C-alpha atoms as a PDB file:
ATOM      1  CA  UNK A   1     254.501 218.968 116.670  1.00  0.00           C
ATOM      2  CA  UNK A   2     257.248 217.537 114.738  1.00  0.00           C
ATOM      3  CA  UNK A   3     259.175 220.024 113.102  1.00  0.00           C
ATOM      4  CA  UNK A   4     259.571 218.353 109.970  1.00  0.00           C
ATOM      5  CA  UNK A   5     255.672 218.694 109.646  1.00  0.00           C
ATOM      6  CA  UNK A   6     255.840 222.150 110.447  1.00  0.00           C
ATOM      7  CA  UNK A   7     258.477 222.747 107.352  1.00  0.00           C
ATOM      8  CA  UNK A   8     256.482 220.715 104.722  1.00  0.00           C
ATOM      9  CA  UNK A   9     253.464 222.939 105.485  1.00  0.00           C
ATOM     10  CA  UNK A  10     255.706 225.970 105.742  1.00  0.00           C
ATOM     11  CA  UNK A  11     257.089 225.029 102.328  1.00  0.00           C
ATOM     12  CA  UNK A  12     253.685 224.981 100.457  1.00  0.00           C
ATOM     13  CA  UNK A  13     252.641 228.521 102.041  1.00  0.00           C
ATOM     14  CA  UNK A  14     256.244 230.032 100.943  1.00  0.00           C
ATOM     15  CA  UNK A  15     255.821 227.841  97.688  1.00  0.00           C
ATOM     16  CA  UNK A  16     252.227 229.438  96.835  1.00  0.00           C
ATOM     17  CA  UNK A  17     252.731 232.864  98.189  1.00  0.00           C
ATOM     18  CA  UNK A  18     255.265 235.915  98.838  1.00  0.00           C
ATOM     19  CA  UNK A  19     257.564 235.782 101.759  1.00  0.00           C
ATOM     20  CA  UNK A  20     255.302 239.128 102.345  1.00  0.00           C
ATOM     21  CA  UNK A  21     252.167 237.724 102.269  1.00  0.00           C
ATOM     22  CA  UNK A  22     252.519 235.039 104.762  1.00  0.00           C
ATOM     23  CA  UNK A  23     252.542 235.430 108.300  1.00  0.00           C
ATOM     24  CA  UNK A  24     253.040 232.577 111.524  1.00  0.00           C
ATOM     25  CA  UNK A  25     249.389 233.516 112.002  1.00  0.00           C
ATOM     26  CA  UNK A  26     249.267 231.687 108.667  1.00  0.00           C
ATOM     27  CA  UNK A  27     251.166 228.817 109.444  1.00  0.00           C
ATOM     28  CA  UNK A  28     250.302 228.105 112.768  1.00  0.00           C
ATOM     29  CA  UNK A  29     246.250 227.990 111.091  1.00  0.00           C
ATOM     30  CA  UNK A  30     247.190 225.445 108.694  1.00  0.00           C
ATOM     31  CA  UNK A  31     248.744 223.195 111.369  1.00  0.00           C
ATOM     32  CA  UNK A  32     246.054 223.880 114.042  1.00  0.00           C
ATOM     33  CA  UNK A  33     248.588 224.929 116.361  1.00  0.00           C
ATOM     34  CA  UNK A  34     248.941 228.083 118.271  1.00  0.00           C
ATOM     35  CA  UNK A  35     251.401 230.687 117.098  1.00  0.00           C
ATOM     36  CA  UNK A  36     253.619 230.633 120.173  1.00  0.00           C
ATOM     37  CA  UNK A  37     254.309 226.864 119.369  1.00  0.00           C
ATOM     38  CA  UNK A  38     256.430 227.748 116.464  1.00  0.00           C
ATOM     39  CA  UNK A  39     258.650 229.418 118.063  1.00  0.00           C
ATOM     40  CA  UNK A  40     259.859 226.465 119.915  1.00  0.00           C
ATOM     41  CA  UNK A  41     261.660 225.779 116.569  1.00  0.00           C
ATOM     42  CA  UNK A  42     261.757 228.989 115.158  1.00  0.00           C
ATOM     43  CA  UNK A  43     263.036 232.499 116.513  1.00  0.00           C
ATOM     44  CA  UNK A  44     260.876 234.225 114.165  1.00  0.00           C
ATOM     45  CA  UNK A  45     259.347 234.265 110.575  1.00  0.00           C
ATOM     46  CA  UNK A  46     262.550 234.431 108.579  1.00  0.00           C
ATOM     47  CA  UNK A  47     264.458 231.834 110.656  1.00  0.00           C
ATOM     48  CA  UNK A  48     261.543 229.850 110.031  1.00  0.00           C
ATOM     49  CA  UNK A  49     261.859 230.653 106.051  1.00  0.00           C
ATOM     50  CA  UNK A  50     265.873 229.948 106.123  1.00  0.00           C
ATOM     51  CA  UNK A  51     265.062 226.820 107.415  1.00  0.00           C
ATOM     52  CA  UNK A  52     262.275 225.753 105.245  1.00  0.00           C
ATOM     53  CA  UNK A  53     264.787 226.935 102.208  1.00  0.00           C
ATOM     54  CA  UNK A  54     267.049 224.322 103.766  1.00  0.00           C
ATOM     55  CA  UNK A  55     264.748 221.811 104.317  1.00  0.00           C
ATOM     56  CA  UNK A  56     263.591 222.199 100.739  1.00  0.00           C
ATOM     57  CA  UNK A  57     267.401 222.018  99.146  1.00  0.00           C
ATOM     58  CA  UNK A  58     268.192 219.115 100.840  1.00  0.00           C
ATOM     59  CA  UNK A  59     265.065 217.664  99.278  1.00  0.00           C
ATOM     60  CA  UNK A  60     265.602 218.391  96.068  1.00  0.00           C
ATOM     61  CA  UNK A  61     269.241 217.426  96.317  1.00  0.00           C
ATOM     62  CA  UNK A  62     268.719 214.232  97.534  1.00  0.00           C
ATOM     63  CA  UNK A  63     266.204 213.769  94.759  1.00  0.00           C
ATOM     64  CA  UNK A  64     268.438 214.848  91.934  1.00  0.00           C
ATOM     65  CA  UNK A  65     271.257 212.266  93.494  1.00  0.00           C
ATOM     66  CA  UNK A  66     268.470 209.709  93.075  1.00  0.00           C
ATOM     67  CA  UNK A  67     267.837 210.535  89.986  1.00  0.00           C
ATOM     68  CA  UNK A  68     270.715 210.855  88.372  1.00  0.00           C
ATOM     69  CA  UNK A  69     271.600 207.294  89.671  1.00  0.00           C
ATOM     70  CA  UNK A  70     268.997 205.984  87.990  1.00  0.00           C
ATOM     71  CA  UNK A  71     271.053 206.552  84.714  1.00  0.00           C
ATOM     72  CA  UNK A  72     267.765 206.530  82.434  1.00  0.00           C
ATOM     73  CA  UNK A  73     268.015 210.076  80.409  1.00  0.00           C
ATOM     74  CA  UNK A  74     264.119 210.175  79.625  1.00  0.00           C
ATOM     75  CA  UNK A  75     263.402 209.811  83.421  1.00  0.00           C
ATOM     76  CA  UNK A  76     266.061 212.124  84.390  1.00  0.00           C
ATOM     77  CA  UNK A  77     264.781 215.134  81.788  1.00  0.00           C
ATOM     78  CA  UNK A  78     260.683 214.433  82.901  1.00  0.00           C
ATOM     79  CA  UNK A  79     261.979 214.670  86.588  1.00  0.00           C
ATOM     80  CA  UNK A  80     264.002 217.742  85.982  1.00  0.00           C
ATOM     81  CA  UNK A  81     261.317 219.521  84.477  1.00  0.00           C
ATOM     82  CA  UNK A  82     258.234 218.370  86.214  1.00  0.00           C
ATOM     83  CA  UNK A  83     259.504 218.013  90.374  1.00  0.00           C
ATOM     84  CA  UNK A  84     259.786 221.308  91.626  1.00  0.00           C
ATOM     85  CA  UNK A  85     255.911 222.151  90.502  1.00  0.00           C
ATOM     86  CA  UNK A  86     254.374 218.309  91.375  1.00  0.00           C
ATOM     87  CA  UNK A  87     256.218 218.540  94.706  1.00  0.00           C
ATOM     88  CA  UNK A  88     255.977 222.323  95.536  1.00  0.00           C
ATOM     89  CA  UNK A  89     259.882 222.576  95.984  1.00  0.00           C
ATOM     90  CA  UNK A  90     260.369 226.410  97.104  1.00  0.00           C
ATOM     91  CA  UNK A  91     263.743 225.796  96.455  1.00  0.00           C
ATOM     92  CA  UNK A  92     263.602 224.968  92.948  1.00  0.00           C
ATOM     93  CA  UNK A  93     262.221 228.481  92.464  1.00  0.00           C
ATOM     94  CA  UNK A  94     263.877 230.499  95.264  1.00  0.00           C
ATOM     95  CA  UNK A  95     266.130 232.585  91.892  1.00  0.00           C
ATOM     96  CA  UNK A  96     262.872 232.461  90.148  1.00  0.00           C
ATOM     97  CA  UNK A  97     259.649 233.796  91.968  1.00  0.00           C
ATOM     98  CA  UNK A  98     261.112 236.580  93.709  1.00  0.00           C
ATOM     99  CA  UNK A  99     264.000 238.508  94.311  1.00  0.00           C
ATOM    100  CA  UNK A 100     265.101 238.282  97.623  1.00  0.00           C
ATOM    101  CA  UNK A 101     267.052 241.556  99.074  1.00  0.00           C
ATOM    102  CA  UNK A 102     268.340 239.064 102.223  1.00  0.00           C
ATOM    103  CA  UNK A 103     272.237 238.432 101.284  1.00  0.00           C
ATOM    104  CA  UNK A 104     272.347 235.843 103.675  1.00  0.00           C
ATOM    105  CA  UNK A 105     269.248 233.846 102.228  1.00  0.00           C
ATOM    106  CA  UNK A 106     270.722 234.838  98.529  1.00  0.00           C
ATOM    107  CA  UNK A 107     273.837 233.070  99.904  1.00  0.00           C
ATOM    108  CA  UNK A 108     271.927 229.566 101.062  1.00  0.00           C
ATOM    109  CA  UNK A 109     270.355 229.584  97.224  1.00  0.00           C
ATOM    110  CA  UNK A 110     273.680 230.373  95.487  1.00  0.00           C
ATOM    111  CA  UNK A 111     275.691 227.738  97.375  1.00  0.00           C
ATOM    112  CA  UNK A 112     273.132 224.925  96.828  1.00  0.00           C
ATOM    113  CA  UNK A 113     272.542 225.960  93.493  1.00  0.00           C
ATOM    114  CA  UNK A 114     276.254 225.426  92.619  1.00  0.00           C
ATOM    115  CA  UNK A 115     275.757 222.036  94.348  1.00  0.00           C
ATOM    116  CA  UNK A 116     273.063 221.337  91.610  1.00  0.00           C
ATOM    117  CA  UNK A 117     275.310 222.390  88.789  1.00  0.00           C
ATOM    118  CA  UNK A 118     278.045 220.212  90.363  1.00  0.00           C
ATOM    119  CA  UNK A 119     275.806 217.684  90.229  1.00  0.00           C
ATOM    120  CA  UNK A 120     274.670 218.324  86.982  1.00  0.00           C
ATOM    121  CA  UNK A 121     277.856 218.795  85.345  1.00  0.00           C
ATOM    122  CA  UNK A 122     279.316 215.104  86.884  1.00  0.00           C
ATOM    123  CA  UNK A 123     276.205 213.465  85.458  1.00  0.00           C
ATOM    124  CA  UNK A 124     276.525 214.947  82.167  1.00  0.00           C
ATOM    125  CA  UNK A 125     280.522 214.160  81.788  1.00  0.00           C
ATOM    126  CA  UNK A 126     279.393 210.637  82.654  1.00  0.00           C
ATOM    127  CA  UNK A 127     277.599 210.944  79.401  1.00  0.00           C
ATOM    128  CA  UNK A 128     280.479 212.197  77.177  1.00  0.00           C
ATOM    129  CA  UNK A 129     279.271 215.509  76.973  1.00  0.00           C
ATOM    130  CA  UNK A 130     281.971 218.549  76.599  1.00  0.00           C
ATOM    131  CA  UNK A 131     281.694 221.537  78.044  1.00  0.00           C
ATOM    132  CA  UNK A 132     279.927 223.511  75.286  1.00  0.00           C
ATOM    133  CA  UNK A 133     277.158 221.128  75.471  1.00  0.00           C
ATOM    134  CA  UNK A 134     276.715 220.892  79.574  1.00  0.00           C
ATOM    135  CA  UNK A 135     276.400 224.238  79.348  1.00  0.00           C
ATOM    136  CA  UNK A 136     273.630 224.435  77.117  1.00  0.00           C
ATOM    137  CA  UNK A 137     271.412 221.960  78.292  1.00  0.00           C
ATOM    138  CA  UNK A 138     271.851 222.656  82.020  1.00  0.00           C
ATOM    139  CA  UNK A 139     270.782 226.457  80.801  1.00  0.00           C
ATOM    140  CA  UNK A 140     267.764 224.430  78.224  1.00  0.00           C
ATOM    141  CA  UNK A 141     266.897 222.156  81.060  1.00  0.00           C
ATOM    142  CA  UNK A 142     266.904 224.980  84.195  1.00  0.00           C
ATOM    143  CA  UNK A 143     265.067 227.866  81.547  1.00  0.00           C
ATOM    144  CA  UNK A 144     262.165 225.012  81.086  1.00  0.00           C
ATOM    145  CA  UNK A 145     261.774 223.975  84.448  1.00  0.00           C
ATOM    146  CA  UNK A 146     261.488 227.299  85.730  1.00  0.00           C
ATOM    147  CA  UNK A 147     258.774 228.422  82.939  1.00  0.00           C
ATOM    148  CA  UNK A 148     256.824 225.480  84.557  1.00  0.00           C
ATOM    149  CA  UNK A 149     257.180 226.283  88.117  1.00  0.00           C
ATOM    150  CA  UNK A 150     256.052 229.735  87.399  1.00  0.00           C
ATOM    151  CA  UNK A 151     254.006 229.809  84.894  1.00  0.00           C
ATOM    152  CA  UNK A 152     253.457 225.667  83.583  1.00  0.00           C
ATOM    153  CA  UNK A 153     254.639 226.949  80.107  1.00  0.00           C
ATOM    154  CA  UNK A 154     256.199 224.260  79.179  1.00  0.00           C
ATOM    155  CA  UNK A 155     253.640 221.673  80.096  1.00  0.00           C
ATOM    156  CA  UNK A 156     251.763 223.277  77.649  1.00  0.00           C
ATOM    157  CA  UNK A 157     253.991 221.287  75.020  1.00  0.00           C
ATOM    158  CA  UNK A 158     254.023 217.434  74.787  1.00  0.00           C
ATOM    159  CA  UNK A 159     256.506 216.570  77.776  1.00  0.00           C
ATOM    160  CA  UNK A 160     257.457 213.829  75.485  1.00  0.00           C
ATOM    161  CA  UNK A 161     258.353 216.065  72.618  1.00  0.00           C
ATOM    162  CA  UNK A 162     260.401 218.133  74.853  1.00  0.00           C
ATOM    163  CA  UNK A 163     262.493 215.061  75.885  1.00  0.00           C
ATOM    164  CA  UNK A 164     262.820 213.903  72.243  1.00  0.00           C
ATOM    165  CA  UNK A 165     264.162 216.956  71.355  1.00  0.00           C
ATOM    166  CA  UNK A 166     266.158 217.630  74.062  1.00  0.00           C
ATOM    167  CA  UNK A 167     267.690 214.085  73.473  1.00  0.00           C
ATOM    168  CA  UNK A 168     269.140 215.071  70.142  1.00  0.00           C
ATOM    169  CA  UNK A 169     270.886 217.669  71.227  1.00  0.00           C
ATOM    170  CA  UNK A 170     272.147 215.340  74.374  1.00  0.00           C
ATOM    171  CA  UNK A 171     273.062 212.271  72.833  1.00  0.00           C
ATOM    172  CA  UNK A 172     274.182 213.937  69.278  1.00  0.00           C
ATOM    173  CA  UNK A 173     278.044 214.046  70.478  1.00  0.00           C
END
Protein backbone atom coordinates (compact mmCIF):
# COMPACT_ATOMS: atom_id res chain seq x y z
CA UNK A 1 0.00 0.00 0.00
CA UNK A 2 1.33 3.43 -0.93
CA UNK A 3 1.80 5.90 1.89
CA UNK A 4 0.00 8.67 -0.03
CA UNK A 5 -3.14 6.56 -0.30
CA UNK A 6 -3.09 6.06 3.47
CA UNK A 7 -2.65 9.81 3.97
CA UNK A 8 -5.58 10.61 1.64
CA UNK A 9 -7.91 8.26 3.49
CA UNK A 10 -6.66 9.50 6.86
CA UNK A 11 -7.22 13.11 5.85
CA UNK A 12 -10.84 12.43 4.96
CA UNK A 13 -11.45 10.60 8.24
CA UNK A 14 -9.71 13.18 10.43
CA UNK A 15 -11.56 15.95 8.57
CA UNK A 16 -14.95 14.36 9.22
CA UNK A 17 -14.37 13.21 12.80
CA UNK A 18 -12.76 14.24 16.04
CA UNK A 19 -9.22 13.01 16.57
CA UNK A 20 -10.35 11.07 19.64
CA UNK A 21 -13.08 9.31 17.65
CA UNK A 22 -10.68 7.92 15.05
CA UNK A 23 -8.96 4.61 15.69
CA UNK A 24 -6.25 3.04 13.58
CA UNK A 25 -8.73 0.22 13.02
CA UNK A 26 -11.08 2.71 11.27
CA UNK A 27 -8.35 3.75 8.87
CA UNK A 28 -7.21 0.18 8.23
CA UNK A 29 -10.80 -0.91 7.57
CA UNK A 30 -11.35 1.93 5.09
CA UNK A 31 -8.17 0.86 3.29
CA UNK A 32 -9.07 -2.84 3.38
CA UNK A 33 -5.83 -3.65 5.16
CA UNK A 34 -4.92 -4.98 8.58
CA UNK A 35 -4.02 -2.46 11.30
CA UNK A 36 -0.41 -3.73 11.68
CA UNK A 37 0.24 -2.67 8.06
CA UNK A 38 -0.08 0.96 9.15
CA UNK A 39 2.89 0.54 11.48
CA UNK A 40 5.17 0.14 8.47
CA UNK A 41 4.80 3.91 7.86
CA UNK A 42 3.59 5.29 11.20
CA UNK A 43 4.67 4.78 14.82
CA UNK A 44 1.19 5.36 16.23
CA UNK A 45 -2.01 7.35 15.69
CA UNK A 46 -0.38 10.65 16.66
CA UNK A 47 2.41 10.10 14.12
CA UNK A 48 -0.19 9.26 11.46
CA UNK A 49 -2.14 12.41 12.34
CA UNK A 50 0.97 14.62 12.22
CA UNK A 51 2.03 13.21 8.86
CA UNK A 52 -1.53 13.58 7.57
CA UNK A 53 -1.65 17.19 8.76
CA UNK A 54 1.67 17.95 7.01
CA UNK A 55 0.45 16.22 3.85
CA UNK A 56 -2.74 18.27 3.97
CA UNK A 57 -0.85 21.52 4.59
CA UNK A 58 1.50 20.84 1.67
CA UNK A 59 -1.49 20.22 -0.61
CA UNK A 60 -3.19 23.39 0.58
CA UNK A 61 -0.09 25.55 0.14
CA UNK A 62 0.65 24.19 -3.33
CA UNK A 63 -2.92 24.75 -4.46
CA UNK A 64 -2.86 28.25 -2.96
CA UNK A 65 0.34 29.04 -4.89
CA UNK A 66 -1.28 27.81 -8.09
CA UNK A 67 -4.44 29.83 -7.40
CA UNK A 68 -2.41 32.99 -6.83
CA UNK A 69 -0.46 32.49 -10.07
CA UNK A 70 -3.68 32.63 -12.08
CA UNK A 71 -4.05 36.23 -10.92
CA UNK A 72 -7.82 36.27 -11.35
CA UNK A 73 -9.45 37.72 -8.26
CA UNK A 74 -12.84 36.03 -8.88
CA UNK A 75 -11.24 32.60 -9.19
CA UNK A 76 -9.03 33.25 -6.17
CA UNK A 77 -11.91 34.30 -3.90
CA UNK A 78 -14.02 31.34 -4.95
CA UNK A 79 -11.10 28.97 -4.42
CA UNK A 80 -10.31 30.38 -0.99
CA UNK A 81 -13.91 30.08 0.17
CA UNK A 82 -14.67 26.63 -1.19
CA UNK A 83 -11.44 24.62 -1.46
CA UNK A 84 -11.25 23.46 2.17
CA UNK A 85 -14.74 22.00 2.23
CA UNK A 86 -14.75 20.69 -1.34
CA UNK A 87 -11.45 18.90 -0.86
CA UNK A 88 -12.01 18.07 2.81
CA UNK A 89 -8.64 19.62 3.58
CA UNK A 90 -7.70 18.88 7.18
CA UNK A 91 -5.12 21.66 7.44
CA UNK A 92 -7.58 24.35 6.36
CA UNK A 93 -9.86 23.61 9.29
CA UNK A 94 -7.30 22.56 11.86
CA UNK A 95 -7.61 25.82 13.83
CA UNK A 96 -11.38 25.87 13.75
CA UNK A 97 -12.55 22.32 14.11
CA UNK A 98 -10.97 21.47 17.42
CA UNK A 99 -8.71 22.91 20.02
CA UNK A 100 -5.65 20.76 20.20
CA UNK A 101 -3.83 20.63 23.50
CA UNK A 102 -0.72 19.11 21.90
CA UNK A 103 1.86 21.91 21.61
CA UNK A 104 3.81 20.14 18.86
CA UNK A 105 0.74 19.78 16.64
CA UNK A 106 -0.34 23.38 17.35
CA UNK A 107 3.17 24.46 16.37
CA UNK A 108 2.93 22.66 13.02
CA UNK A 109 -0.43 24.28 12.29
CA UNK A 110 0.77 27.72 13.36
CA UNK A 111 3.93 27.49 11.24
CA UNK A 112 1.98 26.45 8.15
CA UNK A 113 -0.66 29.14 8.79
CA UNK A 114 2.13 31.74 8.78
CA UNK A 115 3.21 30.40 5.37
CA UNK A 116 -0.36 30.92 4.13
CA UNK A 117 -0.50 34.48 5.50
CA UNK A 118 2.86 35.31 3.91
CA UNK A 119 1.63 34.11 0.52
CA UNK A 120 -1.60 36.09 0.91
CA UNK A 121 0.29 39.23 1.92
CA UNK A 122 2.54 38.95 -1.15
CA UNK A 123 -0.48 38.40 -3.39
CA UNK A 124 -2.43 41.34 -1.99
CA UNK A 125 0.62 43.65 -2.13
CA UNK A 126 0.87 42.88 -5.86
CA UNK A 127 -2.64 44.31 -6.15
CA UNK A 128 -1.41 47.49 -4.46
CA UNK A 129 -3.32 47.04 -1.22
CA UNK A 130 -2.08 48.71 1.95
CA UNK A 131 -1.50 46.81 5.20
CA UNK A 132 -4.91 47.70 6.65
CA UNK A 133 -6.80 46.39 3.61
CA UNK A 134 -4.63 43.29 3.56
CA UNK A 135 -5.51 42.66 7.20
CA UNK A 136 -9.22 43.22 6.62
CA UNK A 137 -9.45 41.12 3.45
CA UNK A 138 -7.39 38.28 4.92
CA UNK A 139 -9.55 38.13 8.04
CA UNK A 140 -12.79 38.36 6.07
CA UNK A 141 -11.76 35.55 3.73
CA UNK A 142 -10.55 33.44 6.65
CA UNK A 143 -13.82 33.93 8.53
CA UNK A 144 -15.95 33.03 5.51
CA UNK A 145 -13.76 30.05 4.70
CA UNK A 146 -13.94 28.81 8.30
CA UNK A 147 -17.71 29.20 8.39
CA UNK A 148 -17.96 27.27 5.16
CA UNK A 149 -15.73 24.46 6.44
CA UNK A 150 -17.58 23.97 9.66
CA UNK A 151 -21.19 24.80 8.93
CA UNK A 152 -21.39 25.56 5.21
CA UNK A 153 -22.78 28.88 6.43
CA UNK A 154 -21.28 31.14 3.79
CA UNK A 155 -22.62 28.96 1.00
CA UNK A 156 -26.12 29.82 2.14
CA UNK A 157 -25.28 33.08 0.37
CA UNK A 158 -24.78 33.27 -3.36
CA UNK A 159 -21.04 32.86 -3.88
CA UNK A 160 -21.16 35.37 -6.75
CA UNK A 161 -22.69 37.99 -4.46
CA UNK A 162 -19.98 37.35 -1.87
CA UNK A 163 -17.29 37.68 -4.54
CA UNK A 164 -18.80 40.93 -5.80
CA UNK A 165 -18.86 42.46 -2.31
CA UNK A 166 -15.34 41.30 -1.48
CA UNK A 167 -14.07 42.70 -4.77
CA UNK A 168 -15.59 46.07 -3.90
CA UNK A 169 -13.47 46.17 -0.76
CA UNK A 170 -10.50 44.62 -2.51
CA UNK A 171 -10.39 46.86 -5.54
CA UNK A 172 -11.50 50.11 -3.88
CA UNK A 173 -8.10 51.63 -3.41
